[in-house]
Amino acid sequence: MLKVGLTGGIGAGKSEVSRLLVSYGAVLIDADRIAREVVEPGTPGLAAVVEAFGEGVLTEEGTLDRPKLGAIVFADPDRLATLNALVHPLVGARSAELESRAGAGDVVVHDVPLLTENTLAPLYDLVVVVDASPQTQLDRLVRFRGMAESEARARMAAQATREQRLAVADLVIDNDGPLDALAPQVRKVWDELERRAAAPAQDG
């Protein structure tokens, strides 16, 4: 099994890279999706978040009001750290459980937005970074996700810098250009991942 950490700044296009890798045969473990699962109604995770942030972060239906919670934590690094301390151990445990189900020859891609911020690179055999310039990220967040520019900048500022992400990268996918330039790069990276996944078997 080859364990790959995939990361990139918000708006860099990591989700599209994940989709392409899955289409080539990768086993995807999506940290964002798991982070939503561990705070669904009735979970210990949601109870812990409500205890820390109050009933005001719930919708009328009793689910987590993500925009409201996001507005709180992305404006206050200490509050963000509190949320991360509650959620990340739960995400880590669930990720490990899913990984244990993968086959010996699989390429397991962990899609982890905060890989750099949480110093998680050593957990993986190699790290793939989806790279885009801050201006490209900002443009995509405003145009495609409908964020106000101030909100987009706050989200970006809460993450690692471009330079910090590139410093932990073993492979880099440049997604600063048009979408049609992305697929050939991802295919090339996938070929390399498959080669590395097969290498131990060949060596033995």
N, C-alpha and C. Protein backbone atom coordinates (compact mmCIF):
# COMPACT_ATOMS: atom_id res chain seq x y z
N MET A 1 0.84 -1.20 0.00
CA MET A 1 0.00 0.00 0.00
C MET A 1 0.87 1.25 0.00
N LEU A 2 0.51 2.20 -0.85
CA LEU A 2 1.20 3.48 -0.87
C LEU A 2 0.27 4.52 -0.27
N LYS A 3 0.72 5.17 0.82
CA LYS A 3 -0.10 6.17 1.50
C LYS A 3 0.32 7.56 1.02
N VAL A 4 -0.62 8.25 0.40
CA VAL A 4 -0.34 9.55 -0.21
C VAL A 4 -1.14 10.63 0.51
N GLY A 5 -0.48 11.71 0.89
CA GLY A 5 -1.17 12.88 1.43
C GLY A 5 -1.37 13.88 0.31
N LEU A 6 -2.63 14.26 0.07
CA LEU A 6 -2.95 15.24 -0.97
C LEU A 6 -3.46 16.50 -0.30
N THR A 7 -2.85 17.64 -0.63
CA THR A 7 -3.29 18.88 -0.01
C THR A 7 -3.16 20.03 -0.99
N GLY A 8 -3.66 21.19 -0.57
CA GLY A 8 -3.64 22.39 -1.40
C GLY A 8 -4.48 23.45 -0.72
N GLY A 9 -4.21 24.69 -1.02
CA GLY A 9 -4.98 25.77 -0.42
C GLY A 9 -6.42 25.78 -0.91
N ILE A 10 -7.28 26.43 -0.17
CA ILE A 10 -8.67 26.55 -0.57
C ILE A 10 -8.76 27.23 -1.94
N GLY A 11 -9.52 26.65 -2.84
CA GLY A 11 -9.64 27.21 -4.18
C GLY A 11 -8.55 26.77 -5.14
N ALA A 12 -7.65 25.90 -4.68
CA ALA A 12 -6.55 25.47 -5.56
C ALA A 12 -6.99 24.41 -6.56
N GLY A 13 -8.12 23.74 -6.27
CA GLY A 13 -8.62 22.73 -7.20
C GLY A 13 -8.35 21.31 -6.76
N LYS A 14 -8.14 21.12 -5.47
CA LYS A 14 -7.81 19.81 -4.93
C LYS A 14 -8.94 18.80 -5.16
N SER A 15 -10.17 19.24 -5.08
CA SER A 15 -11.31 18.33 -5.25
C SER A 15 -11.32 17.71 -6.65
N GLU A 16 -10.99 18.51 -7.64
CA GLU A 16 -10.94 18.00 -9.01
C GLU A 16 -9.80 17.00 -9.17
N VAL A 17 -8.67 17.27 -8.53
CA VAL A 17 -7.55 16.33 -8.57
C VAL A 17 -7.95 15.01 -7.91
N SER A 18 -8.64 15.10 -6.77
CA SER A 18 -9.13 13.89 -6.09
C SER A 18 -10.03 13.08 -7.00
N ARG A 19 -10.93 13.77 -7.68
CA ARG A 19 -11.88 13.08 -8.57
C ARG A 19 -11.14 12.35 -9.68
N LEU A 20 -10.15 12.99 -10.25
CA LEU A 20 -9.38 12.37 -11.32
C LEU A 20 -8.59 11.16 -10.80
N LEU A 21 -7.98 11.29 -9.64
CA LEU A 21 -7.21 10.19 -9.08
C LEU A 21 -8.10 8.98 -8.81
N VAL A 22 -9.30 9.23 -8.31
CA VAL A 22 -10.25 8.12 -8.08
C VAL A 22 -10.61 7.45 -9.40
N SER A 23 -10.77 8.26 -10.45
CA SER A 23 -11.12 7.69 -11.76
C SER A 23 -10.00 6.80 -12.29
N TYR A 24 -8.77 7.04 -11.85
CA TYR A 24 -7.64 6.22 -12.28
C TYR A 24 -7.46 4.98 -11.41
N GLY A 25 -8.13 4.97 -10.24
CA GLY A 25 -8.03 3.78 -9.40
C GLY A 25 -7.61 4.02 -7.96
N ALA A 26 -7.43 5.27 -7.57
CA ALA A 26 -7.02 5.55 -6.19
C ALA A 26 -8.15 5.24 -5.21
N VAL A 27 -7.76 4.85 -4.00
CA VAL A 27 -8.70 4.74 -2.88
C VAL A 27 -8.65 6.07 -2.14
N LEU A 28 -9.76 6.80 -2.13
CA LEU A 28 -9.77 8.15 -1.56
C LEU A 28 -10.32 8.13 -0.14
N ILE A 29 -9.60 8.78 0.76
CA ILE A 29 -10.08 9.03 2.12
C ILE A 29 -10.12 10.55 2.28
N ASP A 30 -11.34 11.09 2.31
CA ASP A 30 -11.57 12.53 2.26
C ASP A 30 -11.75 13.09 3.67
N ALA A 31 -10.76 13.80 4.16
CA ALA A 31 -10.81 14.31 5.53
C ALA A 31 -11.97 15.28 5.74
N ASP A 32 -12.27 16.09 4.74
CA ASP A 32 -13.40 17.03 4.88
C ASP A 32 -14.72 16.28 5.03
N ARG A 33 -14.91 15.25 4.24
CA ARG A 33 -16.14 14.46 4.31
C ARG A 33 -16.25 13.78 5.68
N ILE A 34 -15.14 13.24 6.15
CA ILE A 34 -15.14 12.59 7.46
C ILE A 34 -15.40 13.62 8.55
N ALA A 35 -14.84 14.82 8.38
CA ALA A 35 -15.06 15.88 9.38
C ALA A 35 -16.54 16.23 9.49
N ARG A 36 -17.27 16.11 8.40
CA ARG A 36 -18.73 16.33 8.45
C ARG A 36 -19.43 15.16 9.14
N GLU A 37 -18.97 13.96 8.86
CA GLU A 37 -19.59 12.77 9.44
C GLU A 37 -19.47 12.75 10.96
N VAL A 38 -18.31 13.16 11.47
CA VAL A 38 -18.08 13.02 12.92
C VAL A 38 -18.80 14.07 13.75
N VAL A 39 -19.47 15.03 13.08
CA VAL A 39 -20.28 16.01 13.83
C VAL A 39 -21.74 15.99 13.36
N GLU A 40 -22.17 14.84 12.85
CA GLU A 40 -23.58 14.70 12.51
C GLU A 40 -24.41 14.62 13.79
N PRO A 41 -25.71 14.91 13.70
CA PRO A 41 -26.57 14.85 14.90
C PRO A 41 -26.47 13.51 15.61
N GLY A 42 -26.36 13.58 16.92
CA GLY A 42 -26.29 12.36 17.72
C GLY A 42 -24.89 11.86 17.97
N THR A 43 -23.88 12.48 17.36
CA THR A 43 -22.50 12.02 17.54
C THR A 43 -21.85 12.72 18.74
N PRO A 44 -20.89 12.05 19.38
CA PRO A 44 -20.12 12.71 20.44
C PRO A 44 -19.40 13.96 19.93
N GLY A 45 -19.01 13.93 18.64
CA GLY A 45 -18.31 15.09 18.07
C GLY A 45 -19.17 16.34 18.08
N LEU A 46 -20.43 16.21 17.69
CA LEU A 46 -21.32 17.37 17.69
C LEU A 46 -21.57 17.86 19.12
N ALA A 47 -21.74 16.92 20.03
CA ALA A 47 -21.96 17.31 21.42
C ALA A 47 -20.78 18.12 21.95
N ALA A 48 -19.57 17.72 21.59
CA ALA A 48 -18.37 18.42 22.05
C ALA A 48 -18.29 19.82 21.45
N VAL A 49 -18.66 19.95 20.17
CA VAL A 49 -18.64 21.26 19.51
C VAL A 49 -19.66 22.20 20.16
N VAL A 50 -20.84 21.69 20.43
CA VAL A 50 -21.87 22.51 21.06
C VAL A 50 -21.45 22.95 22.46
N GLU A 51 -20.81 22.03 23.19
CA GLU A 51 -20.33 22.38 24.53
C GLU A 51 -19.30 23.50 24.47
N ALA A 52 -18.46 23.48 23.43
CA ALA A 52 -17.40 24.49 23.31
C ALA A 52 -17.89 25.82 22.75
N PHE A 53 -18.87 25.76 21.83
CA PHE A 53 -19.26 26.98 21.11
C PHE A 53 -20.69 27.43 21.38
N GLY A 54 -21.46 26.60 22.07
CA GLY A 54 -22.82 27.00 22.40
C GLY A 54 -23.86 26.52 21.40
N GLU A 55 -25.12 26.55 21.85
CA GLU A 55 -26.24 26.09 21.02
C GLU A 55 -26.41 26.94 19.76
N GLY A 56 -25.83 28.13 19.75
CA GLY A 56 -25.99 29.04 18.61
C GLY A 56 -25.37 28.53 17.32
N VAL A 57 -24.53 27.48 17.40
CA VAL A 57 -23.91 26.95 16.18
C VAL A 57 -24.76 25.83 15.58
N LEU A 58 -25.96 25.63 16.12
CA LEU A 58 -26.88 24.63 15.55
C LEU A 58 -27.97 25.29 14.74
N THR A 59 -28.44 24.60 13.72
CA THR A 59 -29.62 25.05 12.98
C THR A 59 -30.87 24.68 13.78
N GLU A 60 -32.02 25.11 13.30
CA GLU A 60 -33.28 24.77 13.98
C GLU A 60 -33.51 23.26 13.96
N GLU A 61 -32.96 22.59 12.96
CA GLU A 61 -33.14 21.14 12.84
C GLU A 61 -32.16 20.36 13.73
N GLY A 62 -31.21 21.06 14.36
CA GLY A 62 -30.26 20.39 15.23
C GLY A 62 -28.98 19.94 14.56
N THR A 63 -28.79 20.35 13.32
CA THR A 63 -27.53 20.04 12.64
C THR A 63 -26.56 21.21 12.82
N LEU A 64 -25.30 20.95 12.53
CA LEU A 64 -24.29 21.98 12.69
C LEU A 64 -24.47 23.06 11.63
N ASP A 65 -24.52 24.31 12.06
CA ASP A 65 -24.62 25.44 11.14
C ASP A 65 -23.21 25.83 10.73
N ARG A 66 -22.75 25.24 9.63
CA ARG A 66 -21.36 25.41 9.23
C ARG A 66 -20.98 26.86 8.91
N PRO A 67 -21.82 27.59 8.16
CA PRO A 67 -21.46 28.99 7.90
C PRO A 67 -21.31 29.81 9.19
N LYS A 68 -22.18 29.57 10.16
CA LYS A 68 -22.11 30.32 11.41
C LYS A 68 -20.85 29.95 12.19
N LEU A 69 -20.58 28.65 12.27
CA LEU A 69 -19.36 28.21 12.97
C LEU A 69 -18.12 28.72 12.25
N GLY A 70 -18.15 28.67 10.91
CA GLY A 70 -17.01 29.15 10.13
C GLY A 70 -16.72 30.62 10.37
N ALA A 71 -17.79 31.42 10.47
CA ALA A 71 -17.62 32.85 10.71
C ALA A 71 -16.96 33.11 12.06
N ILE A 72 -17.24 32.22 13.03
CA ILE A 72 -16.64 32.37 14.36
C ILE A 72 -15.16 32.00 14.34
N VAL A 73 -14.87 30.80 13.81
CA VAL A 73 -13.51 30.28 13.96
C VAL A 73 -12.51 30.91 13.00
N PHE A 74 -12.96 31.32 11.81
CA PHE A 74 -11.99 31.87 10.87
C PHE A 74 -11.66 33.33 11.17
N ALA A 75 -12.37 33.90 12.13
CA ALA A 75 -12.05 35.26 12.56
C ALA A 75 -11.22 35.26 13.84
N ASP A 76 -10.97 34.06 14.41
CA ASP A 76 -10.30 33.97 15.71
C ASP A 76 -9.43 32.71 15.75
N PRO A 77 -8.12 32.86 15.63
CA PRO A 77 -7.23 31.69 15.60
C PRO A 77 -7.38 30.78 16.82
N ASP A 78 -7.64 31.36 17.99
CA ASP A 78 -7.79 30.54 19.19
C ASP A 78 -9.03 29.67 19.11
N ARG A 79 -10.11 30.23 18.61
CA ARG A 79 -11.35 29.46 18.47
C ARG A 79 -11.19 28.37 17.41
N LEU A 80 -10.44 28.69 16.35
CA LEU A 80 -10.16 27.69 15.31
C LEU A 80 -9.35 26.54 15.90
N ALA A 81 -8.38 26.87 16.73
CA ALA A 81 -7.56 25.84 17.37
C ALA A 81 -8.41 24.95 18.28
N THR A 82 -9.38 25.56 18.96
CA THR A 82 -10.29 24.80 19.82
C THR A 82 -11.09 23.80 19.00
N LEU A 83 -11.63 24.27 17.88
CA LEU A 83 -12.42 23.39 17.01
C LEU A 83 -11.56 22.25 16.47
N ASN A 84 -10.37 22.59 16.01
CA ASN A 84 -9.48 21.56 15.46
C ASN A 84 -9.12 20.50 16.49
N ALA A 85 -8.91 20.93 17.74
CA ALA A 85 -8.55 19.99 18.80
C ALA A 85 -9.69 19.02 19.08
N LEU A 86 -10.92 19.45 18.84
CA LEU A 86 -12.08 18.57 19.05
C LEU A 86 -12.27 17.59 17.88
N VAL A 87 -12.14 18.11 16.67
CA VAL A 87 -12.53 17.35 15.49
C VAL A 87 -11.41 16.47 14.93
N HIS A 88 -10.18 16.97 14.94
CA HIS A 88 -9.10 16.27 14.26
C HIS A 88 -8.81 14.87 14.80
N PRO A 89 -8.84 14.65 16.12
CA PRO A 89 -8.63 13.27 16.59
C PRO A 89 -9.70 12.30 16.10
N LEU A 90 -10.93 12.78 16.00
CA LEU A 90 -12.03 11.95 15.50
C LEU A 90 -11.82 11.63 14.02
N VAL A 91 -11.38 12.63 13.27
CA VAL A 91 -11.11 12.43 11.83
C VAL A 91 -9.95 11.45 11.65
N GLY A 92 -8.93 11.61 12.47
CA GLY A 92 -7.77 10.72 12.37
C GLY A 92 -8.12 9.27 12.63
N ALA A 93 -8.94 9.05 13.64
CA ALA A 93 -9.33 7.68 13.98
C ALA A 93 -10.16 7.04 12.87
N ARG A 94 -11.09 7.81 12.31
CA ARG A 94 -11.93 7.29 11.24
C ARG A 94 -11.11 7.06 9.97
N SER A 95 -10.16 7.94 9.68
CA SER A 95 -9.30 7.78 8.51
C SER A 95 -8.48 6.50 8.61
N ALA A 96 -7.95 6.25 9.81
CA ALA A 96 -7.15 5.04 10.02
C ALA A 96 -8.00 3.79 9.83
N GLU A 97 -9.24 3.85 10.29
CA GLU A 97 -10.15 2.71 10.12
C GLU A 97 -10.40 2.42 8.64
N LEU A 98 -10.65 3.48 7.86
CA LEU A 98 -10.90 3.31 6.43
C LEU A 98 -9.64 2.81 5.71
N GLU A 99 -8.49 3.33 6.10
CA GLU A 99 -7.25 2.92 5.47
C GLU A 99 -6.98 1.43 5.69
N SER A 100 -7.35 0.94 6.87
CA SER A 100 -7.09 -0.47 7.20
C SER A 100 -7.86 -1.43 6.29
N ARG A 101 -8.88 -0.92 5.60
CA ARG A 101 -9.67 -1.77 4.71
C ARG A 101 -9.08 -1.86 3.30
N ALA A 102 -8.10 -1.02 3.00
CA ALA A 102 -7.53 -0.99 1.65
C ALA A 102 -6.62 -2.20 1.42
N GLY A 103 -6.45 -2.56 0.15
CA GLY A 103 -5.62 -3.70 -0.21
C GLY A 103 -4.14 -3.36 -0.17
N ALA A 104 -3.32 -4.41 -0.13
CA ALA A 104 -1.87 -4.24 0.00
C ALA A 104 -1.27 -3.48 -1.18
N GLY A 105 -1.86 -3.61 -2.36
CA GLY A 105 -1.30 -2.96 -3.54
C GLY A 105 -1.97 -1.65 -3.90
N ASP A 106 -2.89 -1.19 -3.06
CA ASP A 106 -3.65 0.03 -3.38
C ASP A 106 -2.84 1.30 -3.19
N VAL A 107 -3.20 2.31 -3.96
CA VAL A 107 -2.72 3.67 -3.71
C VAL A 107 -3.83 4.38 -2.93
N VAL A 108 -3.55 4.66 -1.66
CA VAL A 108 -4.54 5.28 -0.78
C VAL A 108 -4.23 6.77 -0.69
N VAL A 109 -5.15 7.59 -1.19
CA VAL A 109 -4.95 9.04 -1.20
C VAL A 109 -5.76 9.67 -0.08
N HIS A 110 -5.06 10.28 0.85
CA HIS A 110 -5.71 11.01 1.94
C HIS A 110 -5.82 12.47 1.51
N ASP A 111 -7.04 12.91 1.26
CA ASP A 111 -7.30 14.31 0.89
C ASP A 111 -7.40 15.10 2.19
N VAL A 112 -6.35 15.86 2.52
CA VAL A 112 -6.25 16.53 3.82
C VAL A 112 -5.96 18.01 3.62
N PRO A 113 -6.99 18.87 3.72
CA PRO A 113 -6.77 20.30 3.50
C PRO A 113 -5.72 20.91 4.44
N LEU A 114 -5.68 20.46 5.70
CA LEU A 114 -4.78 21.07 6.68
C LEU A 114 -3.55 20.21 6.96
N LEU A 115 -3.11 19.47 5.96
CA LEU A 115 -1.94 18.61 6.13
C LEU A 115 -0.72 19.41 6.57
N THR A 116 -0.48 20.53 5.91
CA THR A 116 0.70 21.34 6.24
C THR A 116 0.56 21.98 7.61
N GLU A 117 -0.62 22.56 7.86
CA GLU A 117 -0.85 23.28 9.11
C GLU A 117 -0.69 22.38 10.34
N ASN A 118 -1.09 21.11 10.21
CA ASN A 118 -1.05 20.20 11.34
C ASN A 118 0.16 19.27 11.32
N THR A 119 1.15 19.60 10.46
CA THR A 119 2.43 18.87 10.40
C THR A 119 2.19 17.37 10.23
N LEU A 120 1.36 17.02 9.25
CA LEU A 120 0.99 15.62 9.04
C LEU A 120 1.79 14.93 7.95
N ALA A 121 2.66 15.65 7.27
CA ALA A 121 3.41 15.07 6.15
C ALA A 121 4.12 13.76 6.52
N PRO A 122 4.70 13.63 7.74
CA PRO A 122 5.41 12.39 8.07
C PRO A 122 4.51 11.14 8.11
N LEU A 123 3.19 11.33 8.14
CA LEU A 123 2.27 10.19 8.19
C LEU A 123 2.17 9.46 6.85
N TYR A 124 2.66 10.09 5.78
CA TYR A 124 2.44 9.56 4.43
C TYR A 124 3.76 9.18 3.76
N ASP A 125 3.65 8.28 2.80
CA ASP A 125 4.84 7.88 2.04
C ASP A 125 5.32 9.03 1.15
N LEU A 126 4.39 9.79 0.66
CA LEU A 126 4.76 11.02 -0.05
C LEU A 126 3.57 11.98 -0.05
N VAL A 127 3.87 13.25 -0.31
CA VAL A 127 2.87 14.31 -0.28
C VAL A 127 2.75 14.94 -1.67
N VAL A 128 1.50 15.06 -2.14
CA VAL A 128 1.21 15.73 -3.41
C VAL A 128 0.51 17.05 -3.09
N VAL A 129 1.03 18.14 -3.60
CA VAL A 129 0.44 19.46 -3.37
C VAL A 129 -0.16 19.99 -4.67
N VAL A 130 -1.42 20.39 -4.60
CA VAL A 130 -2.07 21.09 -5.72
C VAL A 130 -1.82 22.57 -5.51
N ASP A 131 -1.11 23.17 -6.45
CA ASP A 131 -0.62 24.54 -6.27
C ASP A 131 -1.34 25.52 -7.19
N ALA A 132 -1.69 26.67 -6.62
CA ALA A 132 -2.23 27.78 -7.41
C ALA A 132 -1.81 29.07 -6.71
N SER A 133 -1.69 30.13 -7.46
CA SER A 133 -1.29 31.40 -6.86
C SER A 133 -2.42 31.93 -5.98
N PRO A 134 -2.09 32.73 -4.95
CA PRO A 134 -3.12 33.31 -4.10
C PRO A 134 -4.16 34.10 -4.89
N GLN A 135 -3.75 34.78 -5.95
CA GLN A 135 -4.70 35.55 -6.74
C GLN A 135 -5.68 34.63 -7.46
N THR A 136 -5.19 33.50 -7.95
CA THR A 136 -6.07 32.53 -8.60
C THR A 136 -7.05 31.94 -7.59
N GLN A 137 -6.55 31.60 -6.40
CA GLN A 137 -7.42 31.08 -5.35
C GLN A 137 -8.53 32.08 -5.03
N LEU A 138 -8.15 33.33 -4.82
CA LEU A 138 -9.12 34.38 -4.47
C LEU A 138 -10.17 34.53 -5.56
N ASP A 139 -9.72 34.54 -6.80
CA ASP A 139 -10.64 34.70 -7.93
C ASP A 139 -11.65 33.55 -7.98
N ARG A 140 -11.17 32.34 -7.78
CA ARG A 140 -12.07 31.17 -7.82
C ARG A 140 -13.08 31.20 -6.68
N LEU A 141 -12.62 31.58 -5.49
CA LEU A 141 -13.53 31.61 -4.34
C LEU A 141 -14.64 32.63 -4.53
N VAL A 142 -14.29 33.76 -5.08
CA VAL A 142 -15.28 34.83 -5.28
C VAL A 142 -16.21 34.49 -6.45
N ARG A 143 -15.62 34.03 -7.55
CA ARG A 143 -16.44 33.78 -8.76
C ARG A 143 -17.25 32.50 -8.69
N PHE A 144 -16.63 31.42 -8.21
CA PHE A 144 -17.29 30.11 -8.29
C PHE A 144 -17.99 29.70 -7.00
N ARG A 145 -17.51 30.19 -5.86
CA ARG A 145 -18.15 29.81 -4.59
C ARG A 145 -19.01 30.93 -4.02
N GLY A 146 -18.97 32.08 -4.66
CA GLY A 146 -19.82 33.18 -4.24
C GLY A 146 -19.42 33.82 -2.92
N MET A 147 -18.18 33.67 -2.52
CA MET A 147 -17.72 34.28 -1.27
C MET A 147 -17.48 35.77 -1.45
N ALA A 148 -17.72 36.51 -0.38
CA ALA A 148 -17.26 37.90 -0.36
C ALA A 148 -15.74 37.89 -0.32
N GLU A 149 -15.12 38.90 -0.92
CA GLU A 149 -13.66 38.91 -0.98
C GLU A 149 -13.05 38.88 0.43
N SER A 150 -13.67 39.57 1.37
CA SER A 150 -13.13 39.60 2.74
C SER A 150 -13.17 38.21 3.38
N GLU A 151 -14.26 37.48 3.13
CA GLU A 151 -14.37 36.12 3.68
C GLU A 151 -13.34 35.21 3.04
N ALA A 152 -13.18 35.33 1.71
CA ALA A 152 -12.21 34.50 1.01
C ALA A 152 -10.79 34.76 1.53
N ARG A 153 -10.47 36.01 1.73
CA ARG A 153 -9.13 36.34 2.24
C ARG A 153 -8.92 35.80 3.65
N ALA A 154 -9.98 35.84 4.48
CA ALA A 154 -9.87 35.31 5.84
C ALA A 154 -9.63 33.81 5.83
N ARG A 155 -10.34 33.11 4.95
CA ARG A 155 -10.16 31.65 4.84
C ARG A 155 -8.73 31.33 4.40
N MET A 156 -8.26 32.08 3.41
CA MET A 156 -6.90 31.84 2.92
C MET A 156 -5.86 32.15 4.00
N ALA A 157 -6.09 33.22 4.76
CA ALA A 157 -5.13 33.63 5.79
C ALA A 157 -5.06 32.62 6.93
N ALA A 158 -6.15 31.85 7.12
CA ALA A 158 -6.18 30.86 8.20
C ALA A 158 -5.41 29.60 7.82
N GLN A 159 -5.03 29.49 6.56
CA GLN A 159 -4.30 28.32 6.09
C GLN A 159 -2.80 28.60 5.98
N ALA A 160 -2.04 27.54 5.73
CA ALA A 160 -0.61 27.69 5.50
C ALA A 160 -0.38 28.54 4.25
N THR A 161 0.80 29.12 4.15
CA THR A 161 1.15 29.88 2.95
C THR A 161 1.49 28.93 1.81
N ARG A 162 1.49 29.47 0.63
CA ARG A 162 1.88 28.69 -0.54
C ARG A 162 3.27 28.10 -0.35
N GLU A 163 4.18 28.90 0.17
CA GLU A 163 5.56 28.46 0.36
C GLU A 163 5.66 27.32 1.36
N GLN A 164 4.85 27.39 2.43
CA GLN A 164 4.86 26.32 3.44
C GLN A 164 4.35 25.00 2.86
N ARG A 165 3.33 25.09 2.03
CA ARG A 165 2.82 23.86 1.41
C ARG A 165 3.84 23.25 0.47
N LEU A 166 4.45 24.09 -0.37
CA LEU A 166 5.42 23.58 -1.34
C LEU A 166 6.64 22.97 -0.64
N ALA A 167 6.94 23.45 0.56
CA ALA A 167 8.10 22.94 1.29
C ALA A 167 7.94 21.49 1.71
N VAL A 168 6.68 21.02 1.85
CA VAL A 168 6.47 19.62 2.26
C VAL A 168 6.12 18.72 1.08
N ALA A 169 6.10 19.29 -0.13
CA ALA A 169 5.66 18.54 -1.31
C ALA A 169 6.75 17.61 -1.85
N ASP A 170 6.34 16.38 -2.18
CA ASP A 170 7.19 15.48 -2.95
C ASP A 170 6.88 15.61 -4.44
N LEU A 171 5.59 15.83 -4.74
CA LEU A 171 5.14 16.04 -6.11
C LEU A 171 4.20 17.25 -6.11
N VAL A 172 4.30 18.08 -7.14
CA VAL A 172 3.47 19.29 -7.23
C VAL A 172 2.65 19.25 -8.51
N ILE A 173 1.36 19.55 -8.39
CA ILE A 173 0.48 19.68 -9.54
C ILE A 173 0.13 21.15 -9.68
N ASP A 174 0.52 21.75 -10.79
CA ASP A 174 0.28 23.17 -11.03
C ASP A 174 -1.14 23.37 -11.57
N ASN A 175 -2.00 23.96 -10.77
CA ASN A 175 -3.37 24.21 -11.21
C ASN A 175 -3.67 25.69 -11.26
N ASP A 176 -2.70 26.44 -11.76
CA ASP A 176 -2.89 27.89 -11.89
C ASP A 176 -3.52 28.24 -13.23
N GLY A 177 -3.61 27.26 -14.12
CA GLY A 177 -4.12 27.53 -15.46
C GLY A 177 -5.51 26.97 -15.67
N PRO A 178 -5.90 26.78 -16.93
CA PRO A 178 -7.23 26.27 -17.25
C PRO A 178 -7.38 24.80 -16.86
N LEU A 179 -8.63 24.38 -16.71
CA LEU A 179 -8.93 23.02 -16.26
C LEU A 179 -8.38 21.96 -17.20
N ASP A 180 -8.39 22.23 -18.51
CA ASP A 180 -7.94 21.20 -19.45
C ASP A 180 -6.43 20.93 -19.36
N ALA A 181 -5.72 21.81 -18.66
CA ALA A 181 -4.28 21.57 -18.46
C ALA A 181 -4.03 20.70 -17.24
N LEU A 182 -5.09 20.46 -16.45
CA LEU A 182 -4.92 19.73 -15.19
C LEU A 182 -4.83 18.21 -15.40
N ALA A 183 -5.74 17.66 -16.18
CA ALA A 183 -5.83 16.20 -16.31
C ALA A 183 -4.51 15.54 -16.74
N PRO A 184 -3.79 16.07 -17.74
CA PRO A 184 -2.53 15.42 -18.12
C PRO A 184 -1.51 15.39 -16.97
N GLN A 185 -1.50 16.43 -16.16
CA GLN A 185 -0.58 16.46 -15.01
C GLN A 185 -0.96 15.40 -13.98
N VAL A 186 -2.27 15.29 -13.72
CA VAL A 186 -2.73 14.33 -12.73
C VAL A 186 -2.44 12.91 -13.20
N ARG A 187 -2.62 12.67 -14.50
CA ARG A 187 -2.32 11.35 -15.05
C ARG A 187 -0.85 11.01 -14.86
N LYS A 188 0.00 11.97 -15.08
CA LYS A 188 1.44 11.75 -14.92
C LYS A 188 1.78 11.43 -13.45
N VAL A 189 1.14 12.16 -12.54
CA VAL A 189 1.35 11.90 -11.12
C VAL A 189 0.83 10.51 -10.75
N TRP A 190 -0.34 10.15 -11.30
CA TRP A 190 -0.89 8.82 -11.01
C TRP A 190 0.06 7.72 -11.47
N ASP A 191 0.63 7.87 -12.66
CA ASP A 191 1.57 6.88 -13.17
C ASP A 191 2.75 6.72 -12.21
N GLU A 192 3.21 7.84 -11.66
CA GLU A 192 4.32 7.81 -10.71
C GLU A 192 3.90 7.12 -9.40
N LEU A 193 2.68 7.40 -8.94
CA LEU A 193 2.19 6.77 -7.71
C LEU A 193 2.07 5.25 -7.90
N GLU A 194 1.56 4.85 -9.05
CA GLU A 194 1.45 3.41 -9.32
C GLU A 194 2.83 2.75 -9.36
N ARG A 195 3.77 3.45 -9.95
CA ARG A 195 5.14 2.91 -10.04
C ARG A 195 5.70 2.71 -8.64
N ARG A 196 5.48 3.72 -7.79
CA ARG A 196 6.01 3.62 -6.42
C ARG A 196 5.29 2.56 -5.61
N ALA A 197 3.99 2.42 -5.83
CA ALA A 197 3.22 1.41 -5.10
C ALA A 197 3.69 0.00 -5.47
N ALA A 198 4.09 -0.19 -6.72
CA ALA A 198 4.53 -1.51 -7.19
C ALA A 198 5.98 -1.81 -6.84
N ALA A 199 6.76 -0.78 -6.56
CA ALA A 199 8.19 -0.94 -6.38
C ALA A 199 8.57 -1.92 -5.25
N PRO A 200 7.92 -1.85 -4.08
CA PRO A 200 8.31 -2.78 -3.02
C PRO A 200 8.11 -4.24 -3.41
N ALA A 201 7.00 -4.50 -4.13
CA ALA A 201 6.72 -5.87 -4.56
C ALA A 201 7.79 -6.35 -5.54
N GLN A 202 8.22 -5.46 -6.42
CA GLN A 202 9.24 -5.82 -7.39
C GLN A 202 10.58 -6.06 -6.68
N ASP A 203 10.84 -5.21 -5.69
CA ASP A 203 12.12 -5.34 -4.95
C ASP A 203 12.16 -6.67 -4.19
N GLY A 204 10.97 -7.11 -3.70
CA GLY A 204 10.95 -8.32 -2.91
C GLY A 204 10.99 -9.53 -3.80
